[in-house]
Amino acid sequence: MAWIGVFLGTLAGLASSILACVLWELPLWAALLLYPVTGSAIAVAVILLFMLRDIRVPAAEPVTGGRTVNG
């Protein structure tokens, strides 16, 4: 869940900083400031969306029939 948020946040931050510099003609320092701001906001939003909608990534099945410590 968190990895999806981080990945989408990274892509959104990269896209917004490139668009800010190329299309909106913002100075480089402003475009570079957009990267962490946008990335963090998108990452938090995706994680909250997953938590609020109770979307769960399937967990691995527990291992059964293994050896125990005492025998």
Protein backbone atom coordinates (compact mmCIF):
# COMPACT_ATOMS: atom_id res chain seq x y z
CA MET A 1 0.00 0.00 0.00
CA ALA A 2 2.73 2.45 0.93
CA TRP A 3 4.87 1.43 -2.02
CA ILE A 4 2.07 2.27 -4.43
CA GLY A 5 1.75 5.71 -2.83
CA VAL A 6 5.48 6.35 -2.99
CA PHE A 7 5.66 5.24 -6.62
CA LEU A 8 2.70 7.38 -7.72
CA GLY A 9 3.99 10.30 -5.65
CA THR A 10 7.37 10.10 -7.35
CA LEU A 11 5.79 10.07 -10.80
CA ALA A 12 3.47 12.97 -9.96
CA GLY A 13 6.31 15.01 -8.49
CA LEU A 14 8.50 14.42 -11.52
CA ALA A 15 5.71 15.29 -13.94
CA SER A 16 4.76 18.46 -12.06
CA SER A 17 8.33 19.73 -11.88
CA ILE A 18 8.88 19.15 -15.60
CA LEU A 19 5.56 20.78 -16.51
CA ALA A 20 6.28 23.72 -14.22
CA CYS A 21 9.59 24.40 -15.87
CA VAL A 22 8.56 23.77 -19.48
CA LEU A 23 4.90 24.79 -19.81
CA TRP A 24 4.35 27.29 -17.02
CA GLU A 25 7.83 28.84 -17.37
CA LEU A 26 8.46 28.90 -13.64
CA PRO A 27 12.04 29.44 -12.51
CA LEU A 28 14.08 26.34 -11.86
CA TRP A 29 14.04 26.78 -8.07
CA ALA A 30 10.23 26.89 -8.03
CA ALA A 31 9.99 23.82 -10.27
CA LEU A 32 12.37 21.92 -7.99
CA LEU A 33 10.29 22.87 -4.95
CA LEU A 34 7.20 21.39 -6.60
CA TYR A 35 8.77 17.93 -6.76
CA PRO A 36 8.72 17.09 -3.02
CA VAL A 37 5.52 19.03 -2.33
CA THR A 38 3.51 17.31 -5.05
CA GLY A 39 5.12 13.92 -4.49
CA SER A 40 4.43 13.94 -0.76
CA ALA A 41 0.85 15.12 -1.19
CA ILE A 42 0.06 12.42 -3.75
CA ALA A 43 1.76 9.70 -1.70
CA VAL A 44 -0.20 10.62 1.44
CA ALA A 45 -3.44 10.90 -0.54
CA VAL A 46 -3.03 7.44 -2.11
CA ILE A 47 -2.19 5.83 1.24
CA LEU A 48 -5.19 7.50 2.89
CA LEU A 49 -7.43 6.41 0.02
CA PHE A 50 -6.32 2.81 0.48
CA MET A 51 -6.89 3.04 4.24
CA LEU A 52 -10.31 4.68 3.98
CA ARG A 53 -11.61 2.32 1.32
CA ASP A 54 -10.16 -0.62 3.25
CA ILE A 55 -8.35 -2.01 0.22
CA ARG A 56 -6.04 -4.77 1.35
CA VAL A 57 -3.17 -6.36 -0.47
CA PRO A 58 -3.46 -10.13 -0.10
CA ALA A 59 -1.13 -11.45 2.57
CA ALA A 60 0.94 -14.59 2.24
CA GLU A 61 -0.53 -17.79 3.63
CA PRO A 62 0.97 -18.95 6.94
CA VAL A 63 3.38 -21.85 6.79
CA THR A 64 1.97 -24.97 8.43
CA GLY A 65 3.55 -28.32 9.21
CA GLY A 66 6.99 -26.89 9.88
CA ARG A 67 9.38 -28.00 12.58
CA THR A 68 9.00 -26.57 16.05
CA VAL A 69 11.79 -25.54 18.39
CA ASN A 70 11.11 -28.32 20.89
CA GLY A 71 10.78 -31.12 18.50
